[in-house]
Amino acid sequence: MSVKGAGQPMAAVGEYETVLPFQAVGVRPIIIKDGDPAAVESALLGLARDKYAVVFVQESCYVASSGYIADLNREYDTSFIPVPGIKGSMGTGIESIRSSVERAVGMDIFAVK
């Protein structure tokens, strides 16, 4: 059985303090100073073109470039995953998961009854 993305590289995009720890587990850190949206989008496009399987994106960068990420998701197979920054979670990650699951199963299985 083959797993999609198995053996393909992974990267983390964001500020130094957020992405550097990913390097310890073999994820390529891409450091963006001050969350510059143009630099974030350029890095994301390059990683998608280089066929990275998964790119972890600091939440603040993910939110600022969400429209661009949506465009990349339509064109490339790369998965862009929001991760909390050094200041903590903004709730973007859980919302992204909730939205993906709702699209997949047709309902919000996380809804509180």
Protein backbone atom coordinates (compact mmCIF):
# COMPACT_ATOMS: atom_id res chain seq x y z
CA MET A 1 0.00 0.00 0.00
CA SER A 2 1.38 3.38 -1.00
CA VAL A 3 0.74 6.50 1.03
CA LYS A 4 0.32 9.76 -0.88
CA GLY A 5 3.23 12.05 -0.05
CA ALA A 6 5.36 9.28 1.47
CA GLY A 7 8.99 10.16 0.91
CA GLN A 8 8.18 13.68 -0.25
CA PRO A 9 9.69 16.61 1.66
CA MET A 10 7.95 18.79 4.22
CA ALA A 11 8.58 22.41 5.16
CA ALA A 12 7.51 24.96 7.77
CA VAL A 13 7.03 28.63 6.86
CA GLY A 14 6.94 31.45 9.38
CA GLU A 15 8.98 33.40 11.87
CA TYR A 16 12.23 32.01 13.26
CA GLU A 17 10.91 30.96 16.69
CA THR A 18 7.95 29.14 15.16
CA VAL A 19 9.60 27.17 12.36
CA LEU A 20 13.07 26.35 13.66
CA PRO A 21 11.89 23.53 16.01
CA PHE A 22 10.46 21.70 12.97
CA GLN A 23 14.02 21.18 11.73
CA ALA A 24 14.60 18.70 14.60
CA VAL A 25 12.15 16.28 12.97
CA GLY A 26 13.40 16.67 9.41
CA VAL A 27 11.12 19.48 8.26
CA ARG A 28 12.80 22.25 6.25
CA PRO A 29 12.37 25.63 8.00
CA ILE A 30 11.65 28.65 5.79
CA ILE A 31 12.12 31.78 7.90
CA ILE A 32 10.01 34.81 7.01
CA LYS A 33 10.89 38.06 8.76
CA ASP A 34 7.92 40.00 10.16
CA GLY A 35 5.43 37.72 8.37
CA ASP A 36 5.91 39.62 5.08
CA PRO A 37 2.95 38.43 2.92
CA ALA A 38 4.89 38.74 -0.36
CA ALA A 39 7.74 36.64 1.04
CA VAL A 40 5.27 34.08 2.46
CA GLU A 41 3.44 33.73 -0.85
CA SER A 42 6.68 33.46 -2.82
CA ALA A 43 7.93 30.72 -0.47
CA LEU A 44 4.62 28.82 -0.63
CA LEU A 45 4.56 28.91 -4.42
CA GLY A 46 8.15 27.67 -4.61
CA LEU A 47 7.45 24.80 -2.20
CA ALA A 48 4.30 23.80 -4.10
CA ARG A 49 6.18 23.85 -7.42
CA ASP A 50 8.93 21.73 -5.83
CA LYS A 51 6.25 19.17 -4.92
CA TYR A 52 6.48 19.41 -1.14
CA ALA A 53 3.86 17.09 0.35
CA VAL A 54 3.11 19.15 3.46
CA VAL A 55 3.87 22.76 4.34
CA PHE A 56 3.19 23.93 7.88
CA VAL A 57 2.38 27.65 7.85
CA GLN A 58 2.44 29.90 10.91
CA GLU A 59 -1.19 30.89 11.60
CA SER A 60 -0.68 34.63 11.21
CA CYS A 61 0.92 34.05 7.80
CA TYR A 62 -1.78 31.52 6.87
CA VAL A 63 -4.55 33.99 7.67
CA ALA A 64 -2.85 36.87 5.82
CA SER A 65 -2.40 34.68 2.72
CA SER A 66 -5.53 32.51 2.98
CA GLY A 67 -6.85 33.50 -0.46
CA TYR A 68 -3.51 32.75 -2.07
CA ILE A 69 -3.31 29.42 -0.23
CA ALA A 70 -6.80 28.54 -1.51
CA ASP A 71 -5.57 29.20 -5.06
CA LEU A 72 -2.50 27.01 -4.50
CA ASN A 73 -4.71 24.22 -3.11
CA ARG A 74 -6.68 24.19 -6.36
CA GLU A 75 -3.54 24.01 -8.51
CA TYR A 76 -1.09 21.85 -6.52
CA ASP A 77 -1.21 18.68 -4.41
CA THR A 78 0.68 20.30 -1.51
CA SER A 79 -1.18 20.37 1.82
CA PHE A 80 -0.87 23.68 3.68
CA ILE A 81 -1.43 23.24 7.42
CA PRO A 82 -1.75 26.19 9.81
CA VAL A 83 0.27 25.92 13.05
CA PRO A 84 0.27 28.25 16.06
CA GLY A 85 2.94 30.90 16.29
CA ILE A 86 5.06 31.69 19.31
CA LYS A 87 2.22 33.81 20.78
CA GLY A 88 -0.21 30.87 20.77
CA SER A 89 -3.11 29.65 18.70
CA MET A 90 -5.51 31.89 16.82
CA GLY A 91 -7.95 28.99 16.28
CA THR A 92 -7.23 28.79 12.56
CA GLY A 93 -6.02 25.19 12.67
CA ILE A 94 -9.18 23.75 14.21
CA GLU A 95 -11.35 25.79 11.85
CA SER A 96 -9.39 24.46 8.88
CA ILE A 97 -9.84 20.88 10.12
CA ARG A 98 -13.54 21.47 10.79
CA SER A 99 -14.06 22.86 7.30
CA SER A 100 -12.16 19.99 5.64
CA VAL A 101 -14.10 17.34 7.56
CA GLU A 102 -17.41 19.07 6.82
CA ARG A 103 -16.60 19.06 3.07
CA ALA A 104 -15.58 15.40 3.24
CA VAL A 105 -18.56 14.02 5.21
CA GLY A 106 -21.22 16.61 4.42
CA MET A 107 -21.81 17.81 7.97
CA ASP A 108 -20.06 19.44 10.93
CA ILE A 109 -19.28 16.47 13.18
CA PHE A 110 -17.64 18.81 15.72
CA ALA A 111 -20.83 20.81 16.37
CA VAL A 112 -21.86 21.04 20.00
CA LYS A 113 -25.38 19.71 20.55
